[in-house]
Amino acid sequence: MMDREDYVKKLKCEILDSDTYVDVTDDKTRIVENKVKKVTDTLYKKGSIDSDLRRYLTSSVELPVSFRATRSFINLGCLSALL
């Protein structure tokens, strides 16, 4: 089991590693979220997904920007495969 100080130290090293994370100069989260919403609405109207899945894919839970963008890119990729 790792103690808190070791965990925080390793986490900081991981975050500062430029091979793992990089700073972004422009946040494309809103653009991707809008695309996901369009695709999700199309699939919902076609009957390909139900309202629960639609709500999940388009939820606006406030997450850190990196997580929102990641979830949106993953959702967009998965949804595009369904079209």
N, C-alpha and C. Protein backbone atom coordinates (compact mmCIF):
# COMPACT_ATOMS: atom_id res chain seq x y z
N MET A 1 0.84 -1.17 0.00
CA MET A 1 0.00 0.00 0.00
C MET A 1 0.89 1.25 0.00
N MET A 2 0.52 2.21 -0.80
CA MET A 2 1.31 3.43 -0.94
C MET A 2 0.78 4.50 0.01
N ASP A 3 1.69 5.22 0.68
CA ASP A 3 1.19 6.29 1.54
C ASP A 3 0.91 7.54 0.71
N ARG A 4 0.21 8.46 1.30
CA ARG A 4 -0.27 9.64 0.58
C ARG A 4 0.87 10.45 -0.03
N GLU A 5 1.93 10.68 0.71
CA GLU A 5 3.04 11.49 0.21
C GLU A 5 3.69 10.86 -1.02
N ASP A 6 3.90 9.54 -0.99
CA ASP A 6 4.46 8.86 -2.15
C ASP A 6 3.53 8.96 -3.35
N TYR A 7 2.24 8.81 -3.08
CA TYR A 7 1.25 8.89 -4.15
C TYR A 7 1.27 10.26 -4.82
N VAL A 8 1.24 11.32 -4.01
CA VAL A 8 1.24 12.69 -4.54
C VAL A 8 2.53 12.95 -5.31
N LYS A 9 3.65 12.49 -4.77
CA LYS A 9 4.94 12.69 -5.43
C LYS A 9 4.96 12.00 -6.80
N LYS A 10 4.50 10.76 -6.86
CA LYS A 10 4.48 10.03 -8.14
C LYS A 10 3.49 10.66 -9.11
N LEU A 11 2.36 11.12 -8.60
CA LEU A 11 1.36 11.76 -9.45
C LEU A 11 1.92 13.05 -10.07
N LYS A 12 2.60 13.86 -9.26
CA LYS A 12 3.20 15.09 -9.78
C LYS A 12 4.25 14.78 -10.85
N CYS A 13 5.04 13.76 -10.64
CA CYS A 13 6.04 13.37 -11.65
C CYS A 13 5.35 12.97 -12.96
N GLU A 14 4.26 12.24 -12.84
CA GLU A 14 3.52 11.79 -14.02
C GLU A 14 2.91 12.97 -14.77
N ILE A 15 2.35 13.91 -14.04
CA ILE A 15 1.74 15.08 -14.67
C ILE A 15 2.78 15.96 -15.36
N LEU A 16 3.95 16.06 -14.77
CA LEU A 16 5.01 16.90 -15.35
C LEU A 16 5.75 16.21 -16.50
N ASP A 17 5.50 14.93 -16.71
CA ASP A 17 6.15 14.18 -17.79
C ASP A 17 5.54 14.59 -19.13
N SER A 18 6.32 15.21 -19.98
CA SER A 18 5.80 15.72 -21.26
C SER A 18 5.41 14.60 -22.23
N ASP A 19 5.83 13.38 -21.97
CA ASP A 19 5.41 12.26 -22.82
C ASP A 19 3.99 11.82 -22.47
N THR A 20 3.52 12.17 -21.28
CA THR A 20 2.20 11.76 -20.83
C THR A 20 1.16 12.86 -21.06
N TYR A 21 1.48 14.07 -20.64
CA TYR A 21 0.55 15.19 -20.73
C TYR A 21 1.24 16.38 -21.38
N VAL A 22 0.48 17.13 -22.16
CA VAL A 22 0.99 18.36 -22.73
C VAL A 22 -0.04 19.47 -22.52
N ASP A 23 0.44 20.69 -22.38
CA ASP A 23 -0.46 21.83 -22.26
C ASP A 23 -1.11 22.09 -23.61
N VAL A 24 -2.35 22.47 -23.59
CA VAL A 24 -3.03 22.83 -24.83
C VAL A 24 -3.23 24.34 -24.85
N THR A 25 -3.10 24.91 -26.02
CA THR A 25 -3.25 26.36 -26.13
C THR A 25 -4.69 26.75 -26.41
N ASP A 26 -5.45 25.84 -27.02
CA ASP A 26 -6.85 26.13 -27.29
C ASP A 26 -7.69 24.93 -26.89
N ASP A 27 -8.74 25.17 -26.16
CA ASP A 27 -9.62 24.12 -25.68
C ASP A 27 -10.75 23.90 -26.67
N LYS A 28 -10.78 22.73 -27.25
CA LYS A 28 -11.80 22.40 -28.25
C LYS A 28 -12.95 21.60 -27.66
N THR A 29 -13.07 21.64 -26.34
CA THR A 29 -14.10 20.85 -25.66
C THR A 29 -15.49 21.18 -26.15
N ARG A 30 -15.84 22.45 -26.21
CA ARG A 30 -17.20 22.85 -26.62
C ARG A 30 -17.49 22.41 -28.07
N ILE A 31 -16.51 22.54 -28.93
CA ILE A 31 -16.71 22.14 -30.33
C ILE A 31 -17.01 20.65 -30.40
N VAL A 32 -16.23 19.85 -29.68
CA VAL A 32 -16.42 18.40 -29.69
C VAL A 32 -17.74 18.04 -29.01
N GLU A 33 -18.06 18.69 -27.91
CA GLU A 33 -19.34 18.41 -27.24
C GLU A 33 -20.52 18.70 -28.16
N ASN A 34 -20.44 19.76 -28.94
CA ASN A 34 -21.52 20.07 -29.89
C ASN A 34 -21.63 19.00 -30.96
N LYS A 35 -20.50 18.49 -31.44
CA LYS A 35 -20.53 17.41 -32.44
C LYS A 35 -21.14 16.15 -31.85
N VAL A 36 -20.75 15.84 -30.62
CA VAL A 36 -21.31 14.66 -29.94
C VAL A 36 -22.81 14.81 -29.80
N LYS A 37 -23.26 16.00 -29.42
CA LYS A 37 -24.69 16.24 -29.25
C LYS A 37 -25.44 16.05 -30.57
N LYS A 38 -24.88 16.56 -31.67
CA LYS A 38 -25.52 16.41 -32.98
C LYS A 38 -25.66 14.94 -33.37
N VAL A 39 -24.55 14.20 -33.22
CA VAL A 39 -24.57 12.78 -33.58
C VAL A 39 -25.52 12.02 -32.67
N THR A 40 -25.49 12.33 -31.38
CA THR A 40 -26.36 11.67 -30.42
C THR A 40 -27.83 11.94 -30.74
N ASP A 41 -28.16 13.18 -31.05
CA ASP A 41 -29.54 13.52 -31.41
C ASP A 41 -29.98 12.77 -32.66
N THR A 42 -29.10 12.67 -33.63
CA THR A 42 -29.42 11.93 -34.86
C THR A 42 -29.71 10.46 -34.54
N LEU A 43 -28.85 9.85 -33.75
CA LEU A 43 -29.04 8.44 -33.39
C LEU A 43 -30.31 8.24 -32.58
N TYR A 44 -30.62 9.18 -31.70
CA TYR A 44 -31.83 9.09 -30.90
C TYR A 44 -33.08 9.19 -31.79
N LYS A 45 -33.06 10.13 -32.72
CA LYS A 45 -34.21 10.30 -33.63
C LYS A 45 -34.42 9.08 -34.51
N LYS A 46 -33.32 8.39 -34.88
CA LYS A 46 -33.40 7.18 -35.69
C LYS A 46 -33.84 5.97 -34.87
N GLY A 47 -33.81 6.12 -33.54
CA GLY A 47 -34.16 5.00 -32.66
C GLY A 47 -32.99 4.07 -32.38
N SER A 48 -31.79 4.50 -32.74
CA SER A 48 -30.60 3.67 -32.53
C SER A 48 -30.15 3.64 -31.07
N ILE A 49 -30.47 4.69 -30.31
CA ILE A 49 -30.13 4.73 -28.89
C ILE A 49 -31.36 5.20 -28.11
N ASP A 50 -31.44 4.82 -26.84
CA ASP A 50 -32.57 5.25 -26.02
C ASP A 50 -32.26 6.56 -25.29
N SER A 51 -33.23 7.06 -24.59
CA SER A 51 -33.07 8.36 -23.93
C SER A 51 -32.03 8.32 -22.81
N ASP A 52 -31.87 7.18 -22.14
CA ASP A 52 -30.86 7.08 -21.09
C ASP A 52 -29.45 7.22 -21.66
N LEU A 53 -29.18 6.54 -22.76
CA LEU A 53 -27.87 6.63 -23.39
C LEU A 53 -27.65 8.04 -23.95
N ARG A 54 -28.69 8.60 -24.52
CA ARG A 54 -28.60 9.98 -25.03
C ARG A 54 -28.22 10.94 -23.91
N ARG A 55 -28.89 10.82 -22.77
CA ARG A 55 -28.61 11.69 -21.62
C ARG A 55 -27.19 11.48 -21.12
N TYR A 56 -26.75 10.23 -21.04
CA TYR A 56 -25.39 9.94 -20.59
C TYR A 56 -24.35 10.57 -21.50
N LEU A 57 -24.53 10.43 -22.81
CA LEU A 57 -23.54 10.92 -23.76
C LEU A 57 -23.50 12.44 -23.85
N THR A 58 -24.59 13.08 -23.49
CA THR A 58 -24.64 14.54 -23.61
C THR A 58 -24.71 15.23 -22.25
N SER A 59 -24.46 14.50 -21.18
CA SER A 59 -24.55 15.09 -19.84
C SER A 59 -23.55 16.23 -19.71
N SER A 60 -23.91 17.20 -18.91
CA SER A 60 -23.04 18.36 -18.73
C SER A 60 -22.46 18.40 -17.32
N VAL A 61 -22.08 17.25 -16.82
CA VAL A 61 -21.44 17.19 -15.51
C VAL A 61 -20.13 17.94 -15.60
N GLU A 62 -19.89 18.81 -14.65
CA GLU A 62 -18.66 19.60 -14.68
C GLU A 62 -17.47 18.75 -14.27
N LEU A 63 -16.64 18.43 -15.23
CA LEU A 63 -15.42 17.68 -15.02
C LEU A 63 -14.25 18.57 -15.41
N PRO A 64 -13.04 18.22 -14.97
CA PRO A 64 -11.89 18.97 -15.46
C PRO A 64 -11.86 18.93 -16.98
N VAL A 65 -11.37 19.97 -17.58
CA VAL A 65 -11.38 20.11 -19.04
C VAL A 65 -10.79 18.88 -19.72
N SER A 66 -9.68 18.37 -19.23
CA SER A 66 -9.04 17.23 -19.89
C SER A 66 -9.95 16.02 -19.90
N PHE A 67 -10.69 15.78 -18.82
CA PHE A 67 -11.59 14.64 -18.77
C PHE A 67 -12.78 14.85 -19.69
N ARG A 68 -13.31 16.07 -19.73
CA ARG A 68 -14.44 16.34 -20.61
C ARG A 68 -14.05 16.12 -22.06
N ALA A 69 -12.92 16.64 -22.44
CA ALA A 69 -12.48 16.49 -23.82
C ALA A 69 -12.23 15.03 -24.15
N THR A 70 -11.60 14.31 -23.25
CA THR A 70 -11.33 12.90 -23.49
C THR A 70 -12.63 12.14 -23.66
N ARG A 71 -13.58 12.37 -22.75
CA ARG A 71 -14.85 11.67 -22.86
C ARG A 71 -15.55 12.02 -24.16
N SER A 72 -15.48 13.27 -24.57
CA SER A 72 -16.13 13.69 -25.80
C SER A 72 -15.49 13.05 -27.02
N PHE A 73 -14.15 13.01 -27.06
CA PHE A 73 -13.47 12.37 -28.19
C PHE A 73 -13.81 10.90 -28.26
N ILE A 74 -13.83 10.23 -27.13
CA ILE A 74 -14.17 8.81 -27.10
C ILE A 74 -15.61 8.62 -27.57
N ASN A 75 -16.54 9.42 -27.05
CA ASN A 75 -17.94 9.30 -27.45
C ASN A 75 -18.11 9.57 -28.93
N LEU A 76 -17.47 10.59 -29.45
CA LEU A 76 -17.60 10.93 -30.86
C LEU A 76 -17.12 9.77 -31.73
N GLY A 77 -15.99 9.18 -31.35
CA GLY A 77 -15.46 8.05 -32.10
C GLY A 77 -16.40 6.86 -32.08
N CYS A 78 -16.96 6.56 -30.91
CA CYS A 78 -17.89 5.45 -30.78
C CYS A 78 -19.17 5.72 -31.55
N LEU A 79 -19.68 6.93 -31.46
CA LEU A 79 -20.92 7.26 -32.14
C LEU A 79 -20.76 7.27 -33.65
N SER A 80 -19.62 7.75 -34.13
CA SER A 80 -19.39 7.79 -35.56
C SER A 80 -19.41 6.39 -36.15
N ALA A 81 -18.97 5.43 -35.38
CA ALA A 81 -18.98 4.05 -35.86
C ALA A 81 -20.40 3.53 -36.04
N LEU A 82 -21.35 4.10 -35.30
CA LEU A 82 -22.74 3.64 -35.40
C LEU A 82 -23.48 4.23 -36.59
N LEU A 83 -22.99 5.35 -37.12
CA LEU A 83 -23.71 6.01 -38.23
C LEU A 83 -23.58 5.30 -39.53
